[in-house]
Amino acid sequence: MDDIVDTAIKAGKFNTLVAAVKAASLVDTLKDPGPYTVFAPTDEAFAKLPEGTVDNLLKDVPKLKNLLLYHVVPGKLMAADVTKEKRLKTVQGEELKIDAARWHLHRHVKVNDADIIQPDILVSNGVCHAIDKVLMPK
């Protein structure tokens, strides 16, 4: 089984995320044994950001690193585990708000204002959940 980074590369829909992880020098961090839970924005999620945002982030490594680590939670939390939480503390230090009110009806979970569109992507050092928006720290 591949780690977070290699899984994201092979998936083909996280190219912007992988480029950002490389630019922020977080590849080694996300290859650590962890385990980690990553809320992974798809390329489509990054495309929803205002024009120029990604380019500006790639030039500002501290801001980029802060943003990326806001998508990472310590531990391995499957979607069913995430639904039991109201808030999750990120590696970056801030909390994510979890809304799983519709989990029992539609298997639908919101993280801040993003939807988990593909839950439970198992990796050797945790789990990833694909999301449809980039999460923005304060």
C-alpha atoms as a PDB file:
ATOM      1  CA  MET A   1       0.000   0.000   0.000  1.00  0.00           C
ATOM      2  CA  ASP A   2       1.287   3.460  -0.904  1.00  0.00           C
ATOM      3  CA  ASP A   3       1.684   6.392   1.478  1.00  0.00           C
ATOM      4  CA  ILE A   4      -0.286   9.654   1.305  1.00  0.00           C
ATOM      5  CA  VAL A   5       1.971  11.307  -1.280  1.00  0.00           C
ATOM      6  CA  ASP A   6       2.312   8.323  -3.627  1.00  0.00           C
ATOM      7  CA  THR A   7      -1.420   7.601  -3.449  1.00  0.00           C
ATOM      8  CA  ALA A   8      -2.204  11.231  -4.335  1.00  0.00           C
ATOM      9  CA  ILE A   9       0.201  11.107  -7.285  1.00  0.00           C
ATOM     10  CA  LYS A  10      -1.273   7.862  -8.644  1.00  0.00           C
ATOM     11  CA  ALA A  11      -4.891   9.037  -8.211  1.00  0.00           C
ATOM     12  CA  GLY A  12      -4.382  11.690 -10.889  1.00  0.00           C
ATOM     13  CA  LYS A  13      -6.919  14.121  -9.387  1.00  0.00           C
ATOM     14  CA  PHE A  14      -4.679  15.674  -6.739  1.00  0.00           C
ATOM     15  CA  ASN A  15      -1.977  17.171  -9.003  1.00  0.00           C
ATOM     16  CA  THR A  16      -2.292  20.690  -7.560  1.00  0.00           C
ATOM     17  CA  LEU A  17      -2.178  19.321  -4.014  1.00  0.00           C
ATOM     18  CA  VAL A  18       0.944  17.275  -4.810  1.00  0.00           C
ATOM     19  CA  ALA A  19       2.626  20.318  -6.404  1.00  0.00           C
ATOM     20  CA  ALA A  20       1.774  22.367  -3.309  1.00  0.00           C
ATOM     21  CA  VAL A  21       3.092  19.669  -0.941  1.00  0.00           C
ATOM     22  CA  LYS A  22       6.361  19.601  -2.900  1.00  0.00           C
ATOM     23  CA  ALA A  23       6.630  23.419  -2.972  1.00  0.00           C
ATOM     24  CA  ALA A  24       6.062  23.558   0.804  1.00  0.00           C
ATOM     25  CA  SER A  25       8.685  20.837   1.440  1.00  0.00           C
ATOM     26  CA  LEU A  26       6.089  18.634   3.155  1.00  0.00           C
ATOM     27  CA  VAL A  27       6.729  15.442   1.170  1.00  0.00           C
ATOM     28  CA  ASP A  28       8.857  13.894   3.943  1.00  0.00           C
ATOM     29  CA  THR A  29       6.274  14.860   6.573  1.00  0.00           C
ATOM     30  CA  LEU A  30       3.476  13.154   4.634  1.00  0.00           C
ATOM     31  CA  LYS A  31       5.639  10.073   4.092  1.00  0.00           C
ATOM     32  CA  ASP A  32       6.215   9.699   7.859  1.00  0.00           C
ATOM     33  CA  PRO A  33       4.574   6.671   9.489  1.00  0.00           C
ATOM     34  CA  GLY A  34       1.915   8.959  10.979  1.00  0.00           C
ATOM     35  CA  PRO A  35      -0.807   7.969  11.054  1.00  0.00           C
ATOM     36  CA  TYR A  36      -2.521  10.989   9.546  1.00  0.00           C
ATOM     37  CA  THR A  37      -5.972  11.829   8.286  1.00  0.00           C
ATOM     38  CA  VAL A  38      -5.781  14.119   5.266  1.00  0.00           C
ATOM     39  CA  PHE A  39      -8.718  16.069   3.883  1.00  0.00           C
ATOM     40  CA  ALA A  40      -7.392  16.255   0.327  1.00  0.00           C
ATOM     41  CA  PRO A  41      -8.717  18.949  -2.016  1.00  0.00           C
ATOM     42  CA  THR A  42      -9.056  17.721  -5.593  1.00  0.00           C
ATOM     43  CA  ASP A  43      -7.726  19.651  -8.587  1.00  0.00           C
ATOM     44  CA  GLU A  44     -11.307  20.866  -9.122  1.00  0.00           C
ATOM     45  CA  ALA A  45     -11.333  22.216  -5.551  1.00  0.00           C
ATOM     46  CA  PHE A  46      -8.170  24.235  -6.196  1.00  0.00           C
ATOM     47  CA  ALA A  47      -9.646  25.462  -9.502  1.00  0.00           C
ATOM     48  CA  LYS A  48     -12.540  27.047  -7.541  1.00  0.00           C
ATOM     49  CA  LEU A  49     -10.142  29.448  -5.792  1.00  0.00           C
ATOM     50  CA  PRO A  50      -9.947  32.998  -7.155  1.00  0.00           C
ATOM     51  CA  GLU A  51      -7.588  33.349 -10.107  1.00  0.00           C
ATOM     52  CA  GLY A  52      -3.963  33.725  -9.032  1.00  0.00           C
ATOM     53  CA  THR A  53      -4.502  32.286  -5.529  1.00  0.00           C
ATOM     54  CA  VAL A  54      -2.619  29.034  -6.185  1.00  0.00           C
ATOM     55  CA  ASP A  55       0.288  30.836  -7.890  1.00  0.00           C
ATOM     56  CA  ASN A  56       0.527  33.292  -4.989  1.00  0.00           C
ATOM     57  CA  LEU A  57       0.458  30.440  -2.451  1.00  0.00           C
ATOM     58  CA  LEU A  58       3.209  28.570  -4.295  1.00  0.00           C
ATOM     59  CA  LYS A  59       5.409  31.693  -3.937  1.00  0.00           C
ATOM     60  CA  ASP A  60       4.683  32.108  -0.198  1.00  0.00           C
ATOM     61  CA  VAL A  61       6.018  28.919   1.405  1.00  0.00           C
ATOM     62  CA  PRO A  62       5.118  29.739   5.051  1.00  0.00           C
ATOM     63  CA  LYS A  63       1.513  30.582   4.073  1.00  0.00           C
ATOM     64  CA  LEU A  64       1.324  27.496   1.825  1.00  0.00           C
ATOM     65  CA  LYS A  65       2.646  25.224   4.581  1.00  0.00           C
ATOM     66  CA  ASN A  66       0.125  26.703   7.037  1.00  0.00           C
ATOM     67  CA  LEU A  67      -2.716  26.071   4.566  1.00  0.00           C
ATOM     68  CA  LEU A  68      -1.660  22.502   3.796  1.00  0.00           C
ATOM     69  CA  LEU A  69      -1.172  21.487   7.430  1.00  0.00           C
ATOM     70  CA  TYR A  70      -4.696  22.799   8.094  1.00  0.00           C
ATOM     71  CA  HIS A  71      -5.884  19.829   5.991  1.00  0.00           C
ATOM     72  CA  VAL A  72      -4.053  17.250   8.153  1.00  0.00           C
ATOM     73  CA  VAL A  73      -5.293  15.742  11.415  1.00  0.00           C
ATOM     74  CA  PRO A  74      -3.157  13.446  13.599  1.00  0.00           C
ATOM     75  CA  GLY A  75      -4.365   9.849  13.743  1.00  0.00           C
ATOM     76  CA  LYS A  76      -6.281   7.614  11.355  1.00  0.00           C
ATOM     77  CA  LEU A  77      -9.935   8.679  11.251  1.00  0.00           C
ATOM     78  CA  MET A  78     -12.187   6.804   8.876  1.00  0.00           C
ATOM     79  CA  ALA A  79     -15.334   8.660   7.742  1.00  0.00           C
ATOM     80  CA  ALA A  80     -17.393   6.821  10.369  1.00  0.00           C
ATOM     81  CA  ASP A  81     -14.943   8.104  13.034  1.00  0.00           C
ATOM     82  CA  VAL A  82     -15.067  11.665  11.671  1.00  0.00           C
ATOM     83  CA  THR A  83     -18.872  11.659  11.964  1.00  0.00           C
ATOM     84  CA  LYS A  84     -18.601  11.186  15.733  1.00  0.00           C
ATOM     85  CA  GLU A  85     -16.705  14.462  16.103  1.00  0.00           C
ATOM     86  CA  LYS A  86     -17.861  18.073  16.112  1.00  0.00           C
ATOM     87  CA  ARG A  87     -14.353  19.503  15.789  1.00  0.00           C
ATOM     88  CA  LEU A  88     -10.959  18.108  14.862  1.00  0.00           C
ATOM     89  CA  LYS A  89      -7.647  19.732  15.776  1.00  0.00           C
ATOM     90  CA  THR A  90      -5.302  19.962  12.792  1.00  0.00           C
ATOM     91  CA  VAL A  91      -1.524  19.579  12.680  1.00  0.00           C
ATOM     92  CA  GLN A  92      -1.487  23.322  11.880  1.00  0.00           C
ATOM     93  CA  GLY A  93      -3.131  24.015  15.264  1.00  0.00           C
ATOM     94  CA  GLU A  94      -6.588  25.307  14.356  1.00  0.00           C
ATOM     95  CA  GLU A  95      -9.774  23.249  14.415  1.00  0.00           C
ATOM     96  CA  LEU A  96     -11.955  21.967  11.607  1.00  0.00           C
ATOM     97  CA  LYS A  97     -15.728  22.005  12.095  1.00  0.00           C
ATOM     98  CA  ILE A  98     -17.443  18.703  11.293  1.00  0.00           C
ATOM     99  CA  ASP A  99     -21.084  18.516  10.229  1.00  0.00           C
ATOM    100  CA  ALA A 100     -22.299  14.936   9.901  1.00  0.00           C
ATOM    101  CA  ALA A 101     -25.999  15.610  10.432  1.00  0.00           C
ATOM    102  CA  ARG A 102     -26.859  13.852   7.166  1.00  0.00           C
ATOM    103  CA  TRP A 103     -24.439  10.931   7.577  1.00  0.00           C
ATOM    104  CA  HIS A 104     -27.161   8.414   8.405  1.00  0.00           C
ATOM    105  CA  LEU A 105     -29.320   9.432   5.441  1.00  0.00           C
ATOM    106  CA  HIS A 106     -26.825  10.088   2.653  1.00  0.00           C
ATOM    107  CA  ARG A 107     -23.336   9.246   3.966  1.00  0.00           C
ATOM    108  CA  HIS A 108     -22.709  12.991   3.696  1.00  0.00           C
ATOM    109  CA  VAL A 109     -20.077  14.786   5.804  1.00  0.00           C
ATOM    110  CA  LYS A 110     -19.009  18.430   5.707  1.00  0.00           C
ATOM    111  CA  VAL A 111     -15.619  19.651   6.892  1.00  0.00           C
ATOM    112  CA  ASN A 112     -15.944  23.411   7.405  1.00  0.00           C
ATOM    113  CA  ASP A 113     -17.748  24.279   4.153  1.00  0.00           C
ATOM    114  CA  ALA A 114     -16.287  21.436   2.059  1.00  0.00           C
ATOM    115  CA  ASP A 115     -18.005  18.157   1.260  1.00  0.00           C
ATOM    116  CA  ILE A 116     -16.181  14.855   1.543  1.00  0.00           C
ATOM    117  CA  ILE A 117     -16.719  13.520  -1.977  1.00  0.00           C
ATOM    118  CA  GLN A 118     -14.624  10.360  -1.674  1.00  0.00           C
ATOM    119  CA  PRO A 119     -14.161   9.033   1.870  1.00  0.00           C
ATOM    120  CA  ASP A 120     -11.808   6.400   3.244  1.00  0.00           C
ATOM    121  CA  ILE A 121      -8.941   6.308   0.736  1.00  0.00           C
ATOM    122  CA  LEU A 122      -6.659   3.968   2.671  1.00  0.00           C
ATOM    123  CA  VAL A 123      -2.921   4.690   2.658  1.00  0.00           C
ATOM    124  CA  SER A 124      -0.004   3.044   4.467  1.00  0.00           C
ATOM    125  CA  ASN A 125       0.303   5.955   6.907  1.00  0.00           C
ATOM    126  CA  GLY A 126      -3.349   6.787   7.529  1.00  0.00           C
ATOM    127  CA  VAL A 127      -6.388   7.709   5.457  1.00  0.00           C
ATOM    128  CA  CYS A 128      -7.373  10.419   2.984  1.00  0.00           C
ATOM    129  CA  HIS A 129     -10.779  11.893   2.286  1.00  0.00           C
ATOM    130  CA  ALA A 130     -11.167  13.782  -1.008  1.00  0.00           C
ATOM    131  CA  ILE A 131     -12.940  17.123  -0.545  1.00  0.00           C
ATOM    132  CA  ASP A 132     -14.502  19.542  -3.023  1.00  0.00           C
ATOM    133  CA  LYS A 133     -13.114  22.812  -1.583  1.00  0.00           C
ATOM    134  CA  VAL A 134      -9.805  24.031  -0.241  1.00  0.00           C
ATOM    135  CA  LEU A 135     -10.047  24.600   3.526  1.00  0.00           C
ATOM    136  CA  MET A 136      -8.879  28.069   4.564  1.00  0.00           C
ATOM    137  CA  PRO A 137      -7.355  28.654   8.007  1.00  0.00           C
ATOM    138  CA  LYS A 138      -8.101  31.909   9.810  1.00  0.00           C
END
